[in-house]
């Protein structure tokens, strides 16, 4: 019995070692596929411009700006009005003119958590341990005919995301997870593709996202990516109210 227990324990440790090594290799190849860790880290700021669908036949220009350590600002213009959502590392805020609001307002906790996650310039798989995230290799799945490694990412805040990496090219092709929207849990998924090289780094230029199982999808198409543009920190800070109280 003792010998059997020792052998079983040894096999378990060996399996764990192989799994950890395989995960490390996958994450290393992911960083390499993106352009290499040095080039990824050399990006201090980024501006993406493109269009996003707001409904059947309705497209709106969109601009996303990001800056280390965790700044993000998104602007979307429709019918002459510009919606702004931003995060300054602590506060998430928005200007929603379609709701008759001209002043910036702080966003609730669930949207703040979402903004903090999206403001990570490198993504959850780069320096995941240092960020307090836990990454596990779940296995392999076929995503629309493409073999992909399925990684389970438990974020520092406890939320869980699933990231699927193309088994041949080691780039993200899908993400899945659950978010709280207006107090309700919503399962979401995003398909990621049309990778193009920008200054030696690979970036997706097409993202389709929506609630899991729903035919409705929001598609964002990126037409231009600028690396290391000069972005003032003030662009991400919530502006003071301009209308009388």
C-alpha atoms as a PDB file:
ATOM      1  CA  UNK A   1       0.000   0.000   0.000  1.00  0.00           C
ATOM      2  CA  UNK A   2       2.837   2.353   0.937  1.00  0.00           C
ATOM      3  CA  UNK A   3       4.643   1.672  -2.336  1.00  0.00           C
ATOM      4  CA  UNK A   4       1.422   2.174  -4.294  1.00  0.00           C
ATOM      5  CA  UNK A   5       0.804   5.472  -2.506  1.00  0.00           C
ATOM      6  CA  UNK A   6       4.350   6.645  -3.256  1.00  0.00           C
ATOM      7  CA  UNK A   7       4.019   5.710  -6.938  1.00  0.00           C
ATOM      8  CA  UNK A   8       0.616   7.426  -7.171  1.00  0.00           C
ATOM      9  CA  UNK A   9       1.982  10.545  -5.497  1.00  0.00           C
ATOM     10  CA  UNK A  10       4.964  10.522  -7.853  1.00  0.00           C
ATOM     11  CA  UNK A  11       2.720  10.260 -10.898  1.00  0.00           C
ATOM     12  CA  UNK A  12       0.579  13.140  -9.640  1.00  0.00           C
ATOM     13  CA  UNK A  13       3.647  15.320  -9.109  1.00  0.00           C
ATOM     14  CA  UNK A  14       4.953  14.369 -12.558  1.00  0.00           C
ATOM     15  CA  UNK A  15       1.602  15.229 -14.162  1.00  0.00           C
ATOM     16  CA  UNK A  16       1.510  18.551 -12.343  1.00  0.00           C
ATOM     17  CA  UNK A  17       5.054  19.307 -13.492  1.00  0.00           C
ATOM     18  CA  UNK A  18       4.230  18.510 -17.124  1.00  0.00           C
ATOM     19  CA  UNK A  19       1.063  20.632 -16.948  1.00  0.00           C
ATOM     20  CA  UNK A  20       2.938  23.592 -15.465  1.00  0.00           C
ATOM     21  CA  UNK A  21       5.710  23.272 -18.024  1.00  0.00           C
ATOM     22  CA  UNK A  22       3.205  23.088 -20.876  1.00  0.00           C
ATOM     23  CA  UNK A  23       1.405  26.175 -19.611  1.00  0.00           C
ATOM     24  CA  UNK A  24       4.680  28.082 -19.290  1.00  0.00           C
ATOM     25  CA  UNK A  25       5.590  27.106 -22.842  1.00  0.00           C
ATOM     26  CA  UNK A  26       2.217  28.215 -24.152  1.00  0.00           C
ATOM     27  CA  UNK A  27       2.423  31.583 -22.408  1.00  0.00           C
ATOM     28  CA  UNK A  28       5.974  32.079 -23.678  1.00  0.00           C
ATOM     29  CA  UNK A  29       4.885  31.291 -27.241  1.00  0.00           C
ATOM     30  CA  UNK A  30       1.927  33.653 -26.834  1.00  0.00           C
ATOM     31  CA  UNK A  31       4.254  36.514 -25.886  1.00  0.00           C
ATOM     32  CA  UNK A  32       6.570  35.603 -28.760  1.00  0.00           C
ATOM     33  CA  UNK A  33       3.663  35.460 -31.229  1.00  0.00           C
ATOM     34  CA  UNK A  34       2.629  38.962 -30.248  1.00  0.00           C
ATOM     35  CA  UNK A  35       6.116  40.218 -31.088  1.00  0.00           C
ATOM     36  CA  UNK A  36       8.193  39.390 -28.049  1.00  0.00           C
ATOM     37  CA  UNK A  37       8.068  40.560 -24.449  1.00  0.00           C
ATOM     38  CA  UNK A  38      10.532  43.423 -25.008  1.00  0.00           C
ATOM     39  CA  UNK A  39       8.427  44.967 -27.769  1.00  0.00           C
ATOM     40  CA  UNK A  40       5.206  44.456 -25.819  1.00  0.00           C
ATOM     41  CA  UNK A  41       6.690  46.244 -22.808  1.00  0.00           C
ATOM     42  CA  UNK A  42       8.075  49.043 -24.991  1.00  0.00           C
ATOM     43  CA  UNK A  43       4.529  50.188 -25.766  1.00  0.00           C
ATOM     44  CA  UNK A  44       3.698  52.886 -23.227  1.00  0.00           C
ATOM     45  CA  UNK A  45       0.564  54.208 -24.931  1.00  0.00           C
ATOM     46  CA  UNK A  46      -1.702  53.324 -27.846  1.00  0.00           C
ATOM     47  CA  UNK A  47      -4.471  54.853 -29.934  1.00  0.00           C
ATOM     48  CA  UNK A  48      -6.860  52.720 -32.025  1.00  0.00           C
ATOM     49  CA  UNK A  49      -9.374  54.171 -34.464  1.00  0.00           C
ATOM     50  CA  UNK A  50     -12.072  52.382 -36.401  1.00  0.00           C
ATOM     51  CA  UNK A  51     -15.803  51.757 -36.547  1.00  0.00           C
ATOM     52  CA  UNK A  52     -18.258  49.794 -34.453  1.00  0.00           C
ATOM     53  CA  UNK A  53     -21.776  48.571 -35.254  1.00  0.00           C
ATOM     54  CA  UNK A  54     -24.611  50.024 -33.184  1.00  0.00           C
ATOM     55  CA  UNK A  55     -27.371  48.014 -34.844  1.00  0.00           C
ATOM     56  CA  UNK A  56     -28.385  46.746 -38.290  1.00  0.00           C
ATOM     57  CA  UNK A  57     -26.796  49.051 -40.862  1.00  0.00           C
ATOM     58  CA  UNK A  58     -25.605  51.538 -38.225  1.00  0.00           C
ATOM     59  CA  UNK A  59     -21.884  52.182 -37.860  1.00  0.00           C
ATOM     60  CA  UNK A  60     -20.168  54.732 -35.642  1.00  0.00           C
ATOM     61  CA  UNK A  61     -16.567  55.963 -35.554  1.00  0.00           C
ATOM     62  CA  UNK A  62     -14.714  54.861 -32.430  1.00  0.00           C
ATOM     63  CA  UNK A  63     -11.405  55.831 -30.860  1.00  0.00           C
ATOM     64  CA  UNK A  64      -9.749  53.968 -27.996  1.00  0.00           C
ATOM     65  CA  UNK A  65      -6.747  55.436 -26.183  1.00  0.00           C
ATOM     66  CA  UNK A  66      -4.718  53.565 -23.571  1.00  0.00           C
ATOM     67  CA  UNK A  67      -1.692  54.457 -21.481  1.00  0.00           C
ATOM     68  CA  UNK A  68       0.301  52.840 -18.719  1.00  0.00           C
ATOM     69  CA  UNK A  69      -0.217  52.084 -15.942  1.00  0.00           C
ATOM     70  CA  UNK A  70      -4.001  51.725 -16.361  1.00  0.00           C
ATOM     71  CA  UNK A  71      -5.512  54.607 -18.271  1.00  0.00           C
ATOM     72  CA  UNK A  72      -8.206  54.186 -20.923  1.00  0.00           C
ATOM     73  CA  UNK A  73     -10.526  56.483 -22.856  1.00  0.00           C
ATOM     74  CA  UNK A  74     -13.114  55.489 -25.483  1.00  0.00           C
ATOM     75  CA  UNK A  75     -14.978  57.949 -27.703  1.00  0.00           C
ATOM     76  CA  UNK A  76     -17.866  56.967 -29.977  1.00  0.00           C
ATOM     77  CA  UNK A  77     -19.672  59.461 -32.204  1.00  0.00           C
ATOM     78  CA  UNK A  78     -23.201  58.985 -33.524  1.00  0.00           C
ATOM     79  CA  UNK A  79     -25.617  61.540 -34.947  1.00  0.00           C
ATOM     80  CA  UNK A  80     -23.238  64.331 -34.066  1.00  0.00           C
ATOM     81  CA  UNK A  81     -23.051  63.341 -30.386  1.00  0.00           C
ATOM     82  CA  UNK A  82     -19.966  61.851 -28.741  1.00  0.00           C
ATOM     83  CA  UNK A  83     -20.143  59.302 -25.960  1.00  0.00           C
ATOM     84  CA  UNK A  84     -17.070  59.184 -23.720  1.00  0.00           C
ATOM     85  CA  UNK A  85     -16.108  56.411 -21.298  1.00  0.00           C
ATOM     86  CA  UNK A  86     -12.800  56.546 -19.426  1.00  0.00           C
ATOM     87  CA  UNK A  87     -10.783  55.151 -16.549  1.00  0.00           C
ATOM     88  CA  UNK A  88      -7.944  56.918 -14.738  1.00  0.00           C
ATOM     89  CA  UNK A  89      -6.655  53.985 -12.721  1.00  0.00           C
ATOM     90  CA  UNK A  90      -9.171  54.522  -9.913  1.00  0.00           C
ATOM     91  CA  UNK A  91     -12.359  56.108 -11.217  1.00  0.00           C
ATOM     92  CA  UNK A  92     -14.406  55.016 -14.221  1.00  0.00           C
ATOM     93  CA  UNK A  93     -16.584  57.752 -15.663  1.00  0.00           C
ATOM     94  CA  UNK A  94     -18.715  58.547 -18.692  1.00  0.00           C
ATOM     95  CA  UNK A  95     -20.398  61.349 -20.624  1.00  0.00           C
ATOM     96  CA  UNK A  96     -23.693  60.120 -22.099  1.00  0.00           C
ATOM     97  CA  UNK A  97     -25.256  62.856 -24.279  1.00  0.00           C
ATOM     98  CA  UNK A  98     -27.924  60.482 -25.628  1.00  0.00           C
ATOM     99  CA  UNK A  99     -29.320  60.379 -22.095  1.00  0.00           C
ATOM    100  CA  UNK A 100     -29.401  64.154 -21.925  1.00  0.00           C
ATOM    101  CA  UNK A 101     -26.265  64.329 -19.799  1.00  0.00           C
ATOM    102  CA  UNK A 102     -23.490  66.751 -20.723  1.00  0.00           C
ATOM    103  CA  UNK A 103     -21.417  66.335 -17.580  1.00  0.00           C
ATOM    104  CA  UNK A 104     -19.204  63.412 -16.685  1.00  0.00           C
ATOM    105  CA  UNK A 105     -20.546  61.002 -14.090  1.00  0.00           C
ATOM    106  CA  UNK A 106     -18.777  58.259 -12.148  1.00  0.00           C
ATOM    107  CA  UNK A 107     -19.770  54.737 -13.221  1.00  0.00           C
ATOM    108  CA  UNK A 108     -21.016  52.053 -10.796  1.00  0.00           C
ATOM    109  CA  UNK A 109     -18.786  49.353  -9.335  1.00  0.00           C
ATOM    110  CA  UNK A 110     -19.518  46.673 -11.949  1.00  0.00           C
ATOM    111  CA  UNK A 111     -18.575  48.982 -14.819  1.00  0.00           C
ATOM    112  CA  UNK A 112     -15.515  50.177 -12.913  1.00  0.00           C
ATOM    113  CA  UNK A 113     -14.299  46.570 -12.615  1.00  0.00           C
ATOM    114  CA  UNK A 114     -14.844  46.110 -16.335  1.00  0.00           C
ATOM    115  CA  UNK A 115     -12.967  49.316 -17.139  1.00  0.00           C
ATOM    116  CA  UNK A 116     -10.022  48.305 -14.955  1.00  0.00           C
ATOM    117  CA  UNK A 117      -9.768  44.982 -16.775  1.00  0.00           C
ATOM    118  CA  UNK A 118      -9.978  46.599 -20.208  1.00  0.00           C
ATOM    119  CA  UNK A 119      -7.376  49.239 -19.293  1.00  0.00           C
ATOM    120  CA  UNK A 120      -4.644  46.607 -19.021  1.00  0.00           C
ATOM    121  CA  UNK A 121      -2.462  47.546 -22.004  1.00  0.00           C
ATOM    122  CA  UNK A 122      -0.729  44.143 -22.101  1.00  0.00           C
ATOM    123  CA  UNK A 123      -3.730  41.895 -21.477  1.00  0.00           C
ATOM    124  CA  UNK A 124      -4.314  39.385 -18.687  1.00  0.00           C
ATOM    125  CA  UNK A 125      -1.828  36.752 -19.942  1.00  0.00           C
ATOM    126  CA  UNK A 126       1.248  38.992 -19.780  1.00  0.00           C
ATOM    127  CA  UNK A 127       2.817  39.042 -16.275  1.00  0.00           C
ATOM    128  CA  UNK A 128      -0.302  37.349 -14.946  1.00  0.00           C
ATOM    129  CA  UNK A 129       1.330  36.220 -11.683  1.00  0.00           C
ATOM    130  CA  UNK A 130       2.678  39.702 -10.957  1.00  0.00           C
ATOM    131  CA  UNK A 131      -0.829  41.096 -11.478  1.00  0.00           C
ATOM    132  CA  UNK A 132      -2.322  38.596  -9.045  1.00  0.00           C
ATOM    133  CA  UNK A 133      -4.112  36.513 -11.684  1.00  0.00           C
ATOM    134  CA  UNK A 134      -4.083  32.703 -11.828  1.00  0.00           C
ATOM    135  CA  UNK A 135      -3.840  30.966 -15.210  1.00  0.00           C
ATOM    136  CA  UNK A 136      -4.648  27.295 -15.747  1.00  0.00           C
ATOM    137  CA  UNK A 137      -4.442  25.134 -18.859  1.00  0.00           C
ATOM    138  CA  UNK A 138      -7.847  23.490 -19.201  1.00  0.00           C
ATOM    139  CA  UNK A 139      -7.230  21.605 -22.432  1.00  0.00           C
ATOM    140  CA  UNK A 140      -7.887  21.925 -26.150  1.00  0.00           C
ATOM    141  CA  UNK A 141     -11.092  22.797 -27.977  1.00  0.00           C
ATOM    142  CA  UNK A 142     -12.118  23.410 -31.555  1.00  0.00           C
ATOM    143  CA  UNK A 143     -13.188  27.005 -32.162  1.00  0.00           C
ATOM    144  CA  UNK A 144     -14.974  27.257 -35.504  1.00  0.00           C
ATOM    145  CA  UNK A 145     -12.720  24.526 -36.907  1.00  0.00           C
ATOM    146  CA  UNK A 146      -9.508  25.836 -35.337  1.00  0.00           C
ATOM    147  CA  UNK A 147      -7.742  23.896 -32.582  1.00  0.00           C
ATOM    148  CA  UNK A 148      -7.197  26.157 -29.599  1.00  0.00           C
ATOM    149  CA  UNK A 149      -5.697  25.948 -26.135  1.00  0.00           C
ATOM    150  CA  UNK A 150      -8.287  26.820 -23.490  1.00  0.00           C
ATOM    151  CA  UNK A 151      -6.869  28.815 -20.596  1.00  0.00           C
ATOM    152  CA  UNK A 152      -8.825  29.573 -17.442  1.00  0.00           C
ATOM    153  CA  UNK A 153      -7.851  32.938 -15.978  1.00  0.00           C
ATOM    154  CA  UNK A 154      -8.974  33.771 -12.450  1.00  0.00           C
ATOM    155  CA  UNK A 155      -8.478  37.501 -12.084  1.00  0.00           C
ATOM    156  CA  UNK A 156      -7.190  39.117  -8.908  1.00  0.00           C
ATOM    157  CA  UNK A 157     -10.737  40.279  -8.129  1.00  0.00           C
ATOM    158  CA  UNK A 158     -12.059  36.708  -8.383  1.00  0.00           C
ATOM    159  CA  UNK A 159     -13.746  36.993 -11.796  1.00  0.00           C
ATOM    160  CA  UNK A 160     -13.071  34.146 -14.232  1.00  0.00           C
ATOM    161  CA  UNK A 161     -12.233  34.507 -17.909  1.00  0.00           C
ATOM    162  CA  UNK A 162     -11.531  31.850 -20.527  1.00  0.00           C
ATOM    163  CA  UNK A 163      -8.981  32.700 -23.195  1.00  0.00           C
ATOM    164  CA  UNK A 164      -8.597  30.553 -26.311  1.00  0.00           C
ATOM    165  CA  UNK A 165      -5.241  30.634 -28.132  1.00  0.00           C
ATOM    166  CA  UNK A 166      -4.838  29.342 -31.667  1.00  0.00           C
ATOM    167  CA  UNK A 167      -2.840  26.113 -31.216  1.00  0.00           C
ATOM    168  CA  UNK A 168      -0.704  26.881 -34.274  1.00  0.00           C
ATOM    169  CA  UNK A 169      -0.159  30.642 -34.052  1.00  0.00           C
ATOM    170  CA  UNK A 170      -0.627  31.129 -30.282  1.00  0.00           C
ATOM    171  CA  UNK A 171      -2.739  34.280 -30.638  1.00  0.00           C
ATOM    172  CA  UNK A 172      -6.105  34.926 -28.985  1.00  0.00           C
ATOM    173  CA  UNK A 173      -9.098  33.953 -31.086  1.00  0.00           C
ATOM    174  CA  UNK A 174     -11.843  33.966 -28.445  1.00  0.00           C
ATOM    175  CA  UNK A 175     -12.553  35.058 -24.881  1.00  0.00           C
ATOM    176  CA  UNK A 176     -15.475  34.078 -22.665  1.00  0.00           C
ATOM    177  CA  UNK A 177     -16.642  35.010 -19.208  1.00  0.00           C
ATOM    178  CA  UNK A 178     -19.376  36.408 -17.012  1.00  0.00           C
ATOM    179  CA  UNK A 179     -19.952  40.059 -16.161  1.00  0.00           C
ATOM    180  CA  UNK A 180     -22.404  41.873 -13.946  1.00  0.00           C
ATOM    181  CA  UNK A 181     -24.577  44.227 -15.993  1.00  0.00           C
ATOM    182  CA  UNK A 182     -27.139  46.330 -14.103  1.00  0.00           C
ATOM    183  CA  UNK A 183     -27.096  43.826 -11.260  1.00  0.00           C
ATOM    184  CA  UNK A 184     -27.552  40.743 -13.460  1.00  0.00           C
ATOM    185  CA  UNK A 185     -24.980  38.116 -14.424  1.00  0.00           C
ATOM    186  CA  UNK A 186     -24.436  37.981 -18.194  1.00  0.00           C
ATOM    187  CA  UNK A 187     -22.348  35.376 -20.009  1.00  0.00           C
ATOM    188  CA  UNK A 188     -20.389  36.991 -22.830  1.00  0.00           C
ATOM    189  CA  UNK A 189     -18.048  35.920 -25.600  1.00  0.00           C
ATOM    190  CA  UNK A 190     -15.831  37.721 -28.078  1.00  0.00           C
ATOM    191  CA  UNK A 191     -14.343  36.441 -31.342  1.00  0.00           C
ATOM    192  CA  UNK A 192     -10.991  38.017 -32.173  1.00  0.00           C
ATOM    193  CA  UNK A 193      -9.245  38.000 -35.548  1.00  0.00           C
ATOM    194  CA  UNK A 194      -7.801  39.757 -38.594  1.00  0.00           C
ATOM    195  CA  UNK A 195      -4.353  40.085 -37.028  1.00  0.00           C
ATOM    196  CA  UNK A 196      -1.979  42.566 -38.624  1.00  0.00           C
ATOM    197  CA  UNK A 197       1.555  43.652 -37.797  1.00  0.00           C
ATOM    198  CA  UNK A 198       2.067  47.147 -36.412  1.00  0.00           C
ATOM    199  CA  UNK A 199       5.671  48.165 -35.729  1.00  0.00           C
ATOM    200  CA  UNK A 200       6.687  44.560 -35.159  1.00  0.00           C
ATOM    201  CA  UNK A 201       3.717  43.644 -32.955  1.00  0.00           C
ATOM    202  CA  UNK A 202       0.618  41.644 -33.855  1.00  0.00           C
ATOM    203  CA  UNK A 203      -2.771  43.219 -33.126  1.00  0.00           C
ATOM    204  CA  UNK A 204      -6.306  42.024 -33.925  1.00  0.00           C
ATOM    205  CA  UNK A 205      -8.254  44.385 -36.171  1.00  0.00           C
ATOM    206  CA  UNK A 206     -11.650  42.703 -35.834  1.00  0.00           C
ATOM    207  CA  UNK A 207     -13.613  41.920 -32.650  1.00  0.00           C
ATOM    208  CA  UNK A 208     -17.178  40.602 -32.484  1.00  0.00           C
ATOM    209  CA  UNK A 209     -18.743  40.445 -29.037  1.00  0.00           C
ATOM    210  CA  UNK A 210     -22.085  39.872 -27.381  1.00  0.00           C
ATOM    211  CA  UNK A 211     -24.087  37.837 -24.911  1.00  0.00           C
ATOM    212  CA  UNK A 212     -23.451  34.118 -25.239  1.00  0.00           C
ATOM    213  CA  UNK A 213     -26.149  32.402 -27.272  1.00  0.00           C
ATOM    214  CA  UNK A 214     -27.527  35.677 -28.639  1.00  0.00           C
ATOM    215  CA  UNK A 215     -27.442  36.322 -32.413  1.00  0.00           C
ATOM    216  CA  UNK A 216     -26.882  40.026 -31.778  1.00  0.00           C
ATOM    217  CA  UNK A 217     -23.235  40.993 -32.056  1.00  0.00           C
ATOM    218  CA  UNK A 218     -21.341  44.238 -31.793  1.00  0.00           C
ATOM    219  CA  UNK A 219     -18.529  44.261 -34.341  1.00  0.00           C
ATOM    220  CA  UNK A 220     -15.586  46.607 -34.060  1.00  0.00           C
ATOM    221  CA  UNK A 221     -13.233  47.005 -37.007  1.00  0.00           C
ATOM    222  CA  UNK A 222      -9.922  48.740 -36.387  1.00  0.00           C
ATOM    223  CA  UNK A 223      -8.512  50.736 -39.302  1.00  0.00           C
ATOM    224  CA  UNK A 224      -5.462  52.293 -37.613  1.00  0.00           C
ATOM    225  CA  UNK A 225      -3.279  51.629 -34.576  1.00  0.00           C
ATOM    226  CA  UNK A 226      -0.732  54.161 -33.324  1.00  0.00           C
ATOM    227  CA  UNK A 227       1.886  53.072 -30.813  1.00  0.00           C
ATOM    228  CA  UNK A 228       3.325  55.444 -28.221  1.00  0.00           C
ATOM    229  CA  UNK A 229       1.331  58.566 -29.153  1.00  0.00           C
ATOM    230  CA  UNK A 230       1.716  61.519 -26.786  1.00  0.00           C
ATOM    231  CA  UNK A 231      -1.304  61.238 -24.466  1.00  0.00           C
ATOM    232  CA  UNK A 232      -1.665  63.654 -21.565  1.00  0.00           C
ATOM    233  CA  UNK A 233      -2.805  62.078 -18.291  1.00  0.00           C
ATOM    234  CA  UNK A 234      -5.507  64.734 -18.077  1.00  0.00           C
ATOM    235  CA  UNK A 235      -7.436  63.115 -20.936  1.00  0.00           C
ATOM    236  CA  UNK A 236      -8.301  60.237 -18.616  1.00  0.00           C
ATOM    237  CA  UNK A 237      -9.328  62.305 -15.585  1.00  0.00           C
ATOM    238  CA  UNK A 238     -13.010  62.965 -14.955  1.00  0.00           C
ATOM    239  CA  UNK A 239     -13.709  66.623 -15.856  1.00  0.00           C
ATOM    240  CA  UNK A 240     -15.459  68.977 -13.469  1.00  0.00           C
ATOM    241  CA  UNK A 241     -19.159  69.679 -13.946  1.00  0.00           C
ATOM    242  CA  UNK A 242     -19.940  72.520 -16.314  1.00  0.00           C
ATOM    243  CA  UNK A 243     -23.713  72.808 -15.881  1.00  0.00           C
ATOM    244  CA  UNK A 244     -25.308  74.592 -12.893  1.00  0.00           C
ATOM    245  CA  UNK A 245     -26.441  72.416 -10.003  1.00  0.00           C
END
